[in-house]
Structures are given as structure tokens and as C-alpha cells.
Amino acid sequence: MDDFYWLVLGILAAWRLTHLLNAEDGPWDIFLRLRRRCEGSFLATLLDCFNCLSLWTSAPIAWMAATGWMQGILLWLAISGGAMLLERITAEPPAAAQAYYVEDRDPASGD
């Protein structure tokens, strides 16, 4: 039971940190400025991808919670996967694209 508690706590912490870096402005727009400053770099592509970023944020959490290297690797992937699932559950669905309509020309009118 104690291990499950730490797994859930790790997933929540990884999701929170990843969401903060990926999607939130933060106090005084600090994370927004960080993302803007990184534009055009590898770090910008990492900050734009929640799934990629969750791998990086879950690594130190798994390292701190694991008792061995095999458990650490499995815990790393489990925490990242849990954060990704939590993001899918809580994310707002994307806005539907507007329908594009083109009226056919009337051949009888000569247009």
C-alpha cells in the first residue's frame, strides 16, 4: 500500500510540474517568458510536447522513489505514463474546425 501511495504521489507531481512548464503562464508570467525565450531551440520543442516533457519531469521523481535501477526504470515509465493519462483525462477537447462550404456555380447563369 505504501508503494502505491508513492506511485500516485509521483504521478500527480509529474503531471503538475509538466503541466506548469507546458501550458501555464505561472506567477508573473515566468513560464510564459521561459517558453518564449527558448523559441527555436531543442528546449522549446521539449516544452511544447507534454508527453516528451513528462519523461523528463518524471525521471528525477522516479530516481528519488526507487530502491534499485530496475525499479527506477519501471517507475520512471509508469510515472510518465500516468501523467500522460491524467493529461488526456483533464485536457479540454480541441475546438472543432469550421466547415468549409463552396457554392457551386449555376451553369445556366453563365458565371
PDB file of N, CA and C in Angstrom:
ATOM      1  N   MET A   1       0.828  -1.199   0.000  1.00  0.00           N
ATOM      2  CA  MET A   1       0.000   0.000   0.000  1.00  0.00           C
ATOM      3  C   MET A   1       0.867   1.255   0.000  1.00  0.00           C
ATOM      4  N   ASP A   2       1.959   1.196   0.718  1.00  0.00           N
ATOM      5  CA  ASP A   2       2.847   2.359   0.801  1.00  0.00           C
ATOM      6  C   ASP A   2       3.467   2.679  -0.557  1.00  0.00           C
ATOM      7  N   ASP A   3       3.813   1.623  -1.329  1.00  0.00           N
ATOM      8  CA  ASP A   3       4.381   1.837  -2.662  1.00  0.00           C
ATOM      9  C   ASP A   3       3.364   2.468  -3.606  1.00  0.00           C
ATOM     10  N   PHE A   4       2.112   2.041  -3.498  1.00  0.00           N
ATOM     11  CA  PHE A   4       1.063   2.605  -4.342  1.00  0.00           C
ATOM     12  C   PHE A   4       0.868   4.091  -4.042  1.00  0.00           C
ATOM     13  N   TYR A   5       0.951   4.439  -2.782  1.00  0.00           N
ATOM     14  CA  TYR A   5       0.841   5.842  -2.377  1.00  0.00           C
ATOM     15  C   TYR A   5       1.919   6.683  -3.054  1.00  0.00           C
ATOM     16  N   TRP A   6       3.141   6.201  -3.054  1.00  0.00           N
ATOM     17  CA  TRP A   6       4.245   6.949  -3.663  1.00  0.00           C
ATOM     18  C   TRP A   6       4.122   7.005  -5.183  1.00  0.00           C
ATOM     19  N   LEU A   7       3.571   5.937  -5.775  1.00  0.00           N
ATOM     20  CA  LEU A   7       3.341   5.953  -7.218  1.00  0.00           C
ATOM     21  C   LEU A   7       2.320   7.024  -7.583  1.00  0.00           C
ATOM     22  N   VAL A   8       1.215   7.058  -6.868  1.00  0.00           N
ATOM     23  CA  VAL A   8       0.174   8.067  -7.140  1.00  0.00           C
ATOM     24  C   VAL A   8       0.721   9.467  -6.887  1.00  0.00           C
ATOM     25  N   LEU A   9       1.437   9.633  -5.801  1.00  0.00           N
ATOM     26  CA  LEU A   9       2.035  10.930  -5.490  1.00  0.00           C
ATOM     27  C   LEU A   9       3.026  11.353  -6.587  1.00  0.00           C
ATOM     28  N   GLY A  10       3.818  10.411  -7.076  1.00  0.00           N
ATOM     29  CA  GLY A  10       4.765  10.698  -8.162  1.00  0.00           C
ATOM     30  C   GLY A  10       4.060  11.089  -9.446  1.00  0.00           C
ATOM     31  N   ILE A  11       2.981  10.395  -9.778  1.00  0.00           N
ATOM     32  CA  ILE A  11       2.213  10.719 -10.988  1.00  0.00           C
ATOM     33  C   ILE A  11       1.618  12.118 -10.886  1.00  0.00           C
ATOM     34  N   LEU A  12       1.036  12.431  -9.747  1.00  0.00           N
ATOM     35  CA  LEU A  12       0.450  13.761  -9.570  1.00  0.00           C
ATOM     36  C   LEU A  12       1.513  14.858  -9.626  1.00  0.00           C
ATOM     37  N   ALA A  13       2.662  14.608  -9.012  1.00  0.00           N
ATOM     38  CA  ALA A  13       3.740  15.604  -9.038  1.00  0.00           C
ATOM     39  C   ALA A  13       4.286  15.789 -10.451  1.00  0.00           C
ATOM     40  N   ALA A  14       4.468  14.696 -11.177  1.00  0.00           N
ATOM     41  CA  ALA A  14       4.969  14.796 -12.554  1.00  0.00           C
ATOM     42  C   ALA A  14       3.963  15.520 -13.442  1.00  0.00           C
ATOM     43  N   TRP A  15       2.673  15.192 -13.288  1.00  0.00           N
ATOM     44  CA  TRP A  15       1.655  15.879 -14.092  1.00  0.00           C
ATOM     45  C   TRP A  15       1.645  17.364 -13.785  1.00  0.00           C
ATOM     46  N   ARG A  16       1.703  17.714 -12.504  1.00  0.00           N
ATOM     47  CA  ARG A  16       1.640  19.121 -12.110  1.00  0.00           C
ATOM     48  C   ARG A  16       2.820  19.901 -12.655  1.00  0.00           C
ATOM     49  N   LEU A  17       4.006  19.357 -12.498  1.00  0.00           N
ATOM     50  CA  LEU A  17       5.206  20.039 -12.981  1.00  0.00           C
ATOM     51  C   LEU A  17       5.209  20.141 -14.502  1.00  0.00           C
ATOM     52  N   THR A  18       4.837  19.068 -15.169  1.00  0.00           N
ATOM     53  CA  THR A  18       4.802  19.075 -16.635  1.00  0.00           C
ATOM     54  C   THR A  18       3.763  20.061 -17.148  1.00  0.00           C
ATOM     55  N   HIS A  19       2.583  20.056 -16.549  1.00  0.00           N
ATOM     56  CA  HIS A  19       1.526  20.982 -16.974  1.00  0.00           C
ATOM     57  C   HIS A  19       1.941  22.433 -16.728  1.00  0.00           C
ATOM     58  N   LEU A  20       2.597  22.674 -15.623  1.00  0.00           N
ATOM     59  CA  LEU A  20       3.067  24.017 -15.297  1.00  0.00           C
ATOM     60  C   LEU A  20       4.046  24.519 -16.353  1.00  0.00           C
ATOM     61  N   LEU A  21       5.007  23.688 -16.730  1.00  0.00           N
ATOM     62  CA  LEU A  21       6.007  24.094 -17.719  1.00  0.00           C
ATOM     63  C   LEU A  21       5.449  24.155 -19.138  1.00  0.00           C
ATOM     64  N   ASN A  22       4.487  23.270 -19.436  1.00  0.00           N
ATOM     65  CA  ASN A  22       3.981  23.152 -20.797  1.00  0.00           C
ATOM     66  C   ASN A  22       2.852  24.108 -21.138  1.00  0.00           C
ATOM     67  N   ALA A  23       1.953  24.363 -20.188  1.00  0.00           N
ATOM     68  CA  ALA A  23       0.710  25.044 -20.555  1.00  0.00           C
ATOM     69  C   ALA A  23       0.347  26.269 -19.735  1.00  0.00           C
ATOM     70  N   GLU A  24       1.005  26.508 -18.634  1.00  0.00           N
ATOM     71  CA  GLU A  24       0.593  27.603 -17.767  1.00  0.00           C
ATOM     72  C   GLU A  24       1.560  28.779 -17.864  1.00  0.00           C
ATOM     73  N   ASP A  25       1.028  29.967 -17.576  1.00  0.00           N
ATOM     74  CA  ASP A  25       1.865  31.169 -17.593  1.00  0.00           C
ATOM     75  C   ASP A  25       2.679  31.302 -16.317  1.00  0.00           C
ATOM     76  N   GLY A  26       2.105  30.887 -15.203  1.00  0.00           N
ATOM     77  CA  GLY A  26       2.802  30.977 -13.927  1.00  0.00           C
ATOM     78  C   GLY A  26       2.713  32.366 -13.329  1.00  0.00           C
ATOM     79  N   PRO A  27       3.173  32.491 -12.091  1.00  0.00           N
ATOM     80  CA  PRO A  27       3.163  33.818 -11.464  1.00  0.00           C
ATOM     81  C   PRO A  27       4.119  34.757 -12.202  1.00  0.00           C
ATOM     82  N   TRP A  28       3.683  35.960 -12.412  1.00  0.00           N
ATOM     83  CA  TRP A  28       4.450  36.983 -13.128  1.00  0.00           C
ATOM     84  C   TRP A  28       4.857  36.514 -14.531  1.00  0.00           C
ATOM     85  N   ASP A  29       4.065  35.614 -15.116  1.00  0.00           N
ATOM     86  CA  ASP A  29       4.307  35.085 -16.467  1.00  0.00           C
ATOM     87  C   ASP A  29       5.685  34.451 -16.619  1.00  0.00           C
ATOM     88  N   ILE A  30       6.213  33.880 -15.558  1.00  0.00           N
ATOM     89  CA  ILE A  30       7.574  33.350 -15.592  1.00  0.00           C
ATOM     90  C   ILE A  30       7.717  32.175 -16.567  1.00  0.00           C
ATOM     91  N   PHE A  31       6.724  31.272 -16.619  1.00  0.00           N
ATOM     92  CA  PHE A  31       6.829  30.121 -17.506  1.00  0.00           C
ATOM     93  C   PHE A  31       6.513  30.504 -18.945  1.00  0.00           C
ATOM     94  N   LEU A  32       5.670  31.489 -19.126  1.00  0.00           N
ATOM     95  CA  LEU A  32       5.415  32.016 -20.465  1.00  0.00           C
ATOM     96  C   LEU A  32       6.691  32.645 -21.022  1.00  0.00           C
ATOM     97  N   ARG A  33       7.369  33.433 -20.197  1.00  0.00           N
ATOM     98  CA  ARG A  33       8.633  34.041 -20.640  1.00  0.00           C
ATOM     99  C   ARG A  33       9.709  32.995 -20.901  1.00  0.00           C
ATOM    100  N   LEU A  34       9.726  31.946 -20.104  1.00  0.00           N
ATOM    101  CA  LEU A  34      10.684  30.861 -20.326  1.00  0.00           C
ATOM    102  C   LEU A  34      10.445  30.205 -21.673  1.00  0.00           C
ATOM    103  N   ARG A  35       9.182  29.899 -21.999  1.00  0.00           N
ATOM    104  CA  ARG A  35       8.878  29.280 -23.290  1.00  0.00           C
ATOM    105  C   ARG A  35       9.224  30.213 -24.449  1.00  0.00           C
ATOM    106  N   ARG A  36       8.952  31.504 -24.288  1.00  0.00           N
ATOM    107  CA  ARG A  36       9.289  32.462 -25.360  1.00  0.00           C
ATOM    108  C   ARG A  36      10.794  32.597 -25.541  1.00  0.00           C
ATOM    109  N   ARG A  37      11.525  32.587 -24.445  1.00  0.00           N
ATOM    110  CA  ARG A  37      12.979  32.722 -24.522  1.00  0.00           C
ATOM    111  C   ARG A  37      13.628  31.519 -25.204  1.00  0.00           C
ATOM    112  N   CYS A  38      12.994  30.367 -25.098  1.00  0.00           N
ATOM    113  CA  CYS A  38      13.544  29.137 -25.668  1.00  0.00           C
ATOM    114  C   CYS A  38      13.131  28.905 -27.121  1.00  0.00           C
ATOM    115  N   GLU A  39      12.345  29.800 -27.694  1.00  0.00           N
ATOM    116  CA  GLU A  39      11.851  29.602 -29.059  1.00  0.00           C
ATOM    117  C   GLU A  39      12.995  29.301 -30.022  1.00  0.00           C
ATOM    118  N   GLY A  40      12.747  28.307 -30.885  1.00  0.00           N
ATOM    119  CA  GLY A  40      13.723  27.944 -31.900  1.00  0.00           C
ATOM    120  C   GLY A  40      14.809  26.996 -31.409  1.00  0.00           C
ATOM    121  N   SER A  41      14.721  26.518 -30.184  1.00  0.00           N
ATOM    122  CA  SER A  41      15.748  25.620 -29.656  1.00  0.00           C
ATOM    123  C   SER A  41      15.142  24.254 -29.343  1.00  0.00           C
ATOM    124  N   PHE A  42      16.016  23.306 -28.996  1.00  0.00           N
ATOM    125  CA  PHE A  42      15.562  21.983 -28.593  1.00  0.00           C
ATOM    126  C   PHE A  42      14.661  22.077 -27.373  1.00  0.00           C
ATOM    127  N   LEU A  43      14.990  22.937 -26.452  1.00  0.00           N
ATOM    128  CA  LEU A  43      14.200  23.101 -25.238  1.00  0.00           C
ATOM    129  C   LEU A  43      12.785  23.566 -25.559  1.00  0.00           C
ATOM    130  N   ALA A  44      12.622  24.393 -26.580  1.00  0.00           N
ATOM    131  CA  ALA A  44      11.282  24.853 -26.978  1.00  0.00           C
ATOM    132  C   ALA A  44      10.437  23.695 -27.476  1.00  0.00           C
ATOM    133  N   THR A  45      11.028  22.814 -28.274  1.00  0.00           N
ATOM    134  CA  THR A  45      10.267  21.653 -28.758  1.00  0.00           C
ATOM    135  C   THR A  45       9.912  20.721 -27.599  1.00  0.00           C
ATOM    136  N   LEU A  46      10.788  20.628 -26.617  1.00  0.00           N
ATOM    137  CA  LEU A  46      10.512  19.816 -25.444  1.00  0.00           C
ATOM    138  C   LEU A  46       9.382  20.419 -24.616  1.00  0.00           C
ATOM    139  N   LEU A  47       9.390  21.726 -24.429  1.00  0.00           N
ATOM    140  CA  LEU A  47       8.360  22.393 -23.639  1.00  0.00           C
ATOM    141  C   LEU A  47       7.004  22.394 -24.334  1.00  0.00           C
ATOM    142  N   ASP A  48       6.992  22.235 -25.661  1.00  0.00           N
ATOM    143  CA  ASP A  48       5.735  22.218 -26.415  1.00  0.00           C
ATOM    144  C   ASP A  48       5.055  20.855 -26.406  1.00  0.00           C
ATOM    145  N   CYS A  49       5.787  19.804 -26.084  1.00  0.00           N
ATOM    146  CA  CYS A  49       5.246  18.443 -26.127  1.00  0.00           C
ATOM    147  C   CYS A  49       5.049  17.916 -24.708  1.00  0.00           C
ATOM    148  N   PHE A  50       3.800  17.792 -24.276  1.00  0.00           N
ATOM    149  CA  PHE A  50       3.528  17.328 -22.920  1.00  0.00           C
ATOM    150  C   PHE A  50       4.101  15.937 -22.697  1.00  0.00           C
ATOM    151  N   ASN A  51       3.912  15.039 -23.655  1.00  0.00           N
ATOM    152  CA  ASN A  51       4.381  13.663 -23.485  1.00  0.00           C
ATOM    153  C   ASN A  51       5.896  13.594 -23.353  1.00  0.00           C
ATOM    154  N   CYS A  52       6.607  14.323 -24.186  1.00  0.00           N
ATOM    155  CA  CYS A  52       8.075  14.341 -24.113  1.00  0.00           C
ATOM    156  C   CYS A  52       8.536  14.941 -22.796  1.00  0.00           C
ATOM    157  N   LEU A  53       7.926  16.031 -22.415  1.00  0.00           N
ATOM    158  CA  LEU A  53       8.311  16.722 -21.184  1.00  0.00           C
ATOM    159  C   LEU A  53       8.028  15.878 -19.952  1.00  0.00           C
ATOM    160  N   SER A  54       6.963  15.073 -19.991  1.00  0.00           N
ATOM    161  CA  SER A  54       6.650  14.232 -18.830  1.00  0.00           C
ATOM    162  C   SER A  54       7.725  13.178 -18.589  1.00  0.00           C
ATOM    163  N   LEU A  55       8.395  12.736 -19.640  1.00  0.00           N
ATOM    164  CA  LEU A  55       9.514  11.807 -19.449  1.00  0.00           C
ATOM    165  C   LEU A  55      10.635  12.461 -18.655  1.00  0.00           C
ATOM    166  N   TRP A  56      10.904  13.719 -18.945  1.00  0.00           N
ATOM    167  CA  TRP A  56      11.982  14.432 -18.262  1.00  0.00           C
ATOM    168  C   TRP A  56      11.613  14.801 -16.832  1.00  0.00           C
ATOM    169  N   THR A  57      10.368  15.181 -16.608  1.00  0.00           N
ATOM    170  CA  THR A  57       9.983  15.571 -15.247  1.00  0.00           C
ATOM    171  C   THR A  57       9.801  14.359 -14.336  1.00  0.00           C
ATOM    172  N   SER A  58       9.451  13.214 -14.907  1.00  0.00           N
ATOM    173  CA  SER A  58       9.253  12.031 -14.074  1.00  0.00           C
ATOM    174  C   SER A  58      10.563  11.331 -13.724  1.00  0.00           C
ATOM    175  N   ALA A  59      11.619  11.592 -14.460  1.00  0.00           N
ATOM    176  CA  ALA A  59      12.898  10.920 -14.193  1.00  0.00           C
ATOM    177  C   ALA A  59      13.440  11.207 -12.796  1.00  0.00           C
ATOM    178  N   PRO A  60      13.546  12.472 -12.366  1.00  0.00           N
ATOM    179  CA  PRO A  60      14.063  12.683 -11.004  1.00  0.00           C
ATOM    180  C   PRO A  60      13.112  12.191  -9.915  1.00  0.00           C
ATOM    181  N   ILE A  61      11.823  12.204 -10.189  1.00  0.00           N
ATOM    182  CA  ILE A  61      10.856  11.700  -9.215  1.00  0.00           C
ATOM    183  C   ILE A  61      11.055  10.194  -9.039  1.00  0.00           C
ATOM    184  N   ALA A  62      11.198   9.476 -10.147  1.00  0.00           N
ATOM    185  CA  ALA A  62      11.428   8.033 -10.080  1.00  0.00           C
ATOM    186  C   ALA A  62      12.766   7.720  -9.419  1.00  0.00           C
ATOM    187  N   TRP A  63      13.770   8.509  -9.718  1.00  0.00           N
ATOM    188  CA  TRP A  63      15.094   8.300  -9.126  1.00  0.00           C
ATOM    189  C   TRP A  63      15.036   8.434  -7.605  1.00  0.00           C
ATOM    190  N   MET A  64      14.265   9.412  -7.119  1.00  0.00           N
ATOM    191  CA  MET A  64      14.159   9.613  -5.675  1.00  0.00           C
ATOM    192  C   MET A  64      13.336   8.514  -4.995  1.00  0.00           C
ATOM    193  N   ALA A  65      12.357   7.953  -5.694  1.00  0.00           N
ATOM    194  CA  ALA A  65      11.458   6.980  -5.081  1.00  0.00           C
ATOM    195  C   ALA A  65      11.934   5.536  -5.212  1.00  0.00           C
ATOM    196  N   ALA A  66      12.782   5.252  -6.188  1.00  0.00           N
ATOM    197  CA  ALA A  66      13.184   3.874  -6.472  1.00  0.00           C
ATOM    198  C   ALA A  66      14.245   3.371  -5.490  1.00  0.00           C
ATOM    199  N   THR A  67      14.233   2.051  -5.298  1.00  0.00           N
ATOM    200  CA  THR A  67      15.240   1.431  -4.435  1.00  0.00           C
ATOM    201  C   THR A  67      16.309   0.705  -5.245  1.00  0.00           C
ATOM    202  N   GLY A  68      16.084   0.508  -6.517  1.00  0.00           N
ATOM    203  CA  GLY A  68      17.070  -0.141  -7.391  1.00  0.00           C
ATOM    204  C   GLY A  68      16.931   0.383  -8.806  1.00  0.00           C
ATOM    205  N   TRP A  69      17.902   0.033  -9.668  1.00  0.00           N
ATOM    206  CA  TRP A  69      17.886   0.587 -11.024  1.00  0.00           C
ATOM    207  C   TRP A  69      16.727   0.033 -11.851  1.00  0.00           C
ATOM    208  N   MET A  70      16.390  -1.252 -11.694  1.00  0.00           N
ATOM    209  CA  MET A  70      15.281  -1.837 -12.457  1.00  0.00           C
ATOM    210  C   MET A  70      13.954  -1.210 -12.013  1.00  0.00           C
ATOM    211  N   GLN A  71      13.774  -1.062 -10.719  1.00  0.00           N
ATOM    212  CA  GLN A  71      12.570  -0.416 -10.210  1.00  0.00           C
ATOM    213  C   GLN A  71      12.523   1.041 -10.659  1.00  0.00           C
ATOM    214  N   GLY A  72      13.672   1.692 -10.718  1.00  0.00           N
ATOM    215  CA  GLY A  72      13.734   3.082 -11.150  1.00  0.00           C
ATOM    216  C   GLY A  72      13.289   3.261 -12.590  1.00  0.00           C
ATOM    217  N   ILE A  73      13.731   2.369 -13.463  1.00  0.00           N
ATOM    218  CA  ILE A  73      13.336   2.463 -14.877  1.00  0.00           C
ATOM    219  C   ILE A  73      11.842   2.233 -15.033  1.00  0.00           C
ATOM    220  N   LEU A  74      11.328   1.197 -14.371  1.00  0.00           N
ATOM    221  CA  LEU A  74       9.895   0.913 -14.470  1.00  0.00           C
ATOM    222  C   LEU A  74       9.063   2.023 -13.837  1.00  0.00           C
ATOM    223  N   LEU A  75       9.524   2.533 -12.729  1.00  0.00           N
ATOM    224  CA  LEU A  75       8.815   3.625 -12.061  1.00  0.00           C
ATOM    225  C   LEU A  75       8.845   4.889 -12.913  1.00  0.00           C
ATOM    226  N   TRP A  76       9.965   5.168 -13.564  1.00  0.00           N
ATOM    227  CA  TRP A  76      10.095   6.323 -14.461  1.00  0.00           C
ATOM    228  C   TRP A  76       9.041   6.266 -15.566  1.00  0.00           C
ATOM    229  N   LEU A  77       8.941   5.113 -16.225  1.00  0.00           N
ATOM    230  CA  LEU A  77       7.979   4.974 -17.311  1.00  0.00           C
ATOM    231  C   LEU A  77       6.541   4.985 -16.794  1.00  0.00           C
ATOM    232  N   ALA A  78       6.312   4.374 -15.622  1.00  0.00           N
ATOM    233  CA  ALA A  78       4.959   4.353 -15.053  1.00  0.00           C
ATOM    234  C   ALA A  78       4.500   5.745 -14.645  1.00  0.00           C
ATOM    235  N   ILE A  79       5.377   6.518 -14.040  1.00  0.00           N
ATOM    236  CA  ILE A  79       5.013   7.878 -13.628  1.00  0.00           C
ATOM    237  C   ILE A  79       4.743   8.749 -14.846  1.00  0.00           C
ATOM    238  N   SER A  80       5.581   8.638 -15.852  1.00  0.00           N
ATOM    239  CA  SER A  80       5.374   9.408 -17.076  1.00  0.00           C
ATOM    240  C   SER A  80       4.073   8.992 -17.760  1.00  0.00           C
ATOM    241  N   GLY A  81       3.833   7.687 -17.858  1.00  0.00           N
ATOM    242  CA  GLY A  81       2.587   7.201 -18.464  1.00  0.00           C
ATOM    243  C   GLY A  81       1.362   7.652 -17.694  1.00  0.00           C
ATOM    244  N   GLY A  82       1.446   7.617 -16.375  1.00  0.00           N
ATOM    245  CA  GLY A  82       0.333   8.079 -15.550  1.00  0.00           C
ATOM    246  C   GLY A  82       0.065   9.558 -15.743  1.00  0.00           C
ATOM    247  N   ALA A  83       1.131  10.353 -15.853  1.00  0.00           N
ATOM    248  CA  ALA A  83       0.968  11.796 -16.088  1.00  0.00           C
ATOM    249  C   ALA A  83       0.334  12.050 -17.453  1.00  0.00           C
ATOM    250  N   MET A  84       0.725  11.267 -18.455  1.00  0.00           N
ATOM    251  CA  MET A  84       0.135  11.429 -19.785  1.00  0.00           C
ATOM    252  C   MET A  84      -1.349  11.051 -19.781  1.00  0.00           C
ATOM    253  N   LEU A  85      -1.695   9.965 -19.080  1.00  0.00           N
ATOM    254  CA  LEU A  85      -3.110   9.592 -18.978  1.00  0.00           C
ATOM    255  C   LEU A  85      -3.913  10.657 -18.248  1.00  0.00           C
ATOM    256  N   LEU A  86      -3.360  11.187 -17.184  1.00  0.00           N
ATOM    257  CA  LEU A  86      -4.040  12.243 -16.435  1.00  0.00           C
ATOM    258  C   LEU A  86      -4.242  13.487 -17.297  1.00  0.00           C
ATOM    259  N   GLU A  87      -3.260  13.804 -18.128  1.00  0.00           N
ATOM    260  CA  GLU A  87      -3.392  14.947 -19.034  1.00  0.00           C
ATOM    261  C   GLU A  87      -4.511  14.721 -20.041  1.00  0.00           C
ATOM    262  N   ARG A  88      -4.605  13.508 -20.575  1.00  0.00           N
ATOM    263  CA  ARG A  88      -5.667  13.209 -21.544  1.00  0.00           C
ATOM    264  C   ARG A  88      -7.049  13.300 -20.905  1.00  0.00           C
ATOM    265  N   ILE A  89      -7.142  12.888 -19.653  1.00  0.00           N
ATOM    266  CA  ILE A  89      -8.423  12.924 -18.960  1.00  0.00           C
ATOM    267  C   ILE A  89      -8.849  14.359 -18.667  1.00  0.00           C
ATOM    268  N   THR A  90      -7.894  15.212 -18.300  1.00  0.00           N
ATOM    269  CA  THR A  90      -8.228  16.567 -17.851  1.00  0.00           C
ATOM    270  C   THR A  90      -8.154  17.622 -18.943  1.00  0.00           C
ATOM    271  N   ALA A  91      -7.561  17.321 -20.084  1.00  0.00           N
ATOM    272  CA  ALA A  91      -7.394  18.318 -21.146  1.00  0.00           C
ATOM    273  C   ALA A  91      -8.729  18.631 -21.809  1.00  0.00           C
ATOM    274  N   GLU A  92      -8.893  19.884 -22.188  1.00  0.00           N
ATOM    275  CA  GLU A  92     -10.087  20.279 -22.921  1.00  0.00           C
ATOM    276  C   GLU A  92      -9.984  19.762 -24.347  1.00  0.00           C
ATOM    277  N   PRO A  93     -11.102  19.299 -24.915  1.00  0.00           N
ATOM    278  CA  PRO A  93     -11.039  18.814 -26.294  1.00  0.00           C
ATOM    279  C   PRO A  93     -10.729  19.977 -27.241  1.00  0.00           C
ATOM    280  N   PRO A  94      -9.993  19.694 -28.306  1.00  0.00           N
ATOM    281  CA  PRO A  94      -9.682  20.774 -29.250  1.00  0.00           C
ATOM    282  C   PRO A  94     -10.946  21.294 -29.923  1.00  0.00           C
ATOM    283  N   ALA A  95     -10.925  22.554 -30.273  1.00  0.00           N
ATOM    284  CA  ALA A  95     -12.073  23.175 -30.941  1.00  0.00           C
ATOM    285  C   ALA A  95     -12.250  22.546 -32.317  1.00  0.00           C
ATOM    286  N   ALA A  96     -13.486  22.319 -32.670  1.00  0.00           N
ATOM    287  CA  ALA A  96     -13.780  21.741 -33.978  1.00  0.00           C
ATOM    288  C   ALA A  96     -13.501  22.773 -35.070  1.00  0.00           C
ATOM    289  N   ALA A  97     -12.968  22.296 -36.158  1.00  0.00           N
ATOM    290  CA  ALA A  97     -12.685  23.181 -37.290  1.00  0.00           C
ATOM    291  C   ALA A  97     -13.994  23.622 -37.932  1.00  0.00           C
ATOM    292  N   GLN A  98     -13.996  24.846 -38.417  1.00  0.00           N
ATOM    293  CA  GLN A  98     -15.170  25.364 -39.099  1.00  0.00           C
ATOM    294  C   GLN A  98     -15.353  24.632 -40.427  1.00  0.00           C
ATOM    295  N   ALA A  99     -16.591  24.364 -40.769  1.00  0.00           N
ATOM    296  CA  ALA A  99     -16.879  23.706 -42.042  1.00  0.00           C
ATOM    297  C   ALA A  99     -16.610  24.679 -43.179  1.00  0.00           C
ATOM    298  N   TYR A 100     -16.054  24.172 -44.235  1.00  0.00           N
ATOM    299  CA  TYR A 100     -15.757  24.981 -45.413  1.00  0.00           C
ATOM    300  C   TYR A 100     -16.782  24.652 -46.484  1.00  0.00           C
ATOM    301  N   TYR A 101     -17.476  25.673 -46.963  1.00  0.00           N
ATOM    302  CA  TYR A 101     -18.539  25.464 -47.930  1.00  0.00           C
ATOM    303  C   TYR A 101     -18.295  26.347 -49.142  1.00  0.00           C
ATOM    304  N   VAL A 102     -18.343  25.734 -50.311  1.00  0.00           N
ATOM    305  CA  VAL A 102     -18.225  26.463 -51.560  1.00  0.00           C
ATOM    306  C   VAL A 102     -19.480  26.175 -52.370  1.00  0.00           C
ATOM    307  N   GLU A 103     -20.159  27.240 -52.744  1.00  0.00           N
ATOM    308  CA  GLU A 103     -21.375  27.075 -53.515  1.00  0.00           C
ATOM    309  C   GLU A 103     -21.015  26.821 -54.964  1.00  0.00           C
ATOM    310  N   ASP A 104     -21.665  25.818 -55.545  1.00  0.00           N
ATOM    311  CA  ASP A 104     -21.415  25.517 -56.961  1.00  0.00           C
ATOM    312  C   ASP A 104     -21.987  26.616 -57.836  1.00  0.00           C
ATOM    313  N   ARG A 105     -21.296  26.855 -58.926  1.00  0.00           N
ATOM    314  CA  ARG A 105     -21.799  27.843 -59.888  1.00  0.00           C
ATOM    315  C   ARG A 105     -22.975  27.254 -60.658  1.00  0.00           C
ATOM    316  N   ASP A 106     -23.892  28.131 -60.983  1.00  0.00           N
ATOM    317  CA  ASP A 106     -25.051  27.697 -61.765  1.00  0.00           C
ATOM    318  C   ASP A 106     -24.659  27.754 -63.240  1.00  0.00           C
ATOM    319  N   PRO A 107     -24.603  26.609 -63.907  1.00  0.00           N
ATOM    320  CA  PRO A 107     -24.204  26.626 -65.324  1.00  0.00           C
ATOM    321  C   PRO A 107     -25.174  27.387 -66.223  1.00  0.00           C
ATOM    322  N   ALA A 108     -26.403  27.518 -65.804  1.00  0.00           N
ATOM    323  CA  ALA A 108     -27.396  28.218 -66.631  1.00  0.00           C
ATOM    324  C   ALA A 108     -27.201  29.721 -66.588  1.00  0.00           C
ATOM    325  N   SER A 109     -26.573  30.255 -65.508  1.00  0.00           N
ATOM    326  CA  SER A 109     -26.435  31.705 -65.396  1.00  0.00           C
ATOM    327  C   SER A 109     -25.258  32.236 -66.189  1.00  0.00           C
ATOM    328  N   GLY A 110     -24.355  31.368 -66.615  1.00  0.00           N
ATOM    329  CA  GLY A 110     -23.229  31.833 -67.412  1.00  0.00           C
ATOM    330  C   GLY A 110     -22.042  32.311 -66.586  1.00  0.00           C
ATOM    331  N   ASP A 111     -22.074  32.165 -65.279  1.00  0.00           N
ATOM    332  CA  ASP A 111     -20.954  32.575 -64.418  1.00  0.00           C
ATOM    333  C   ASP A 111     -19.846  31.588 -64.423  1.00  0.00           C
TER     334      ASP A 111
END
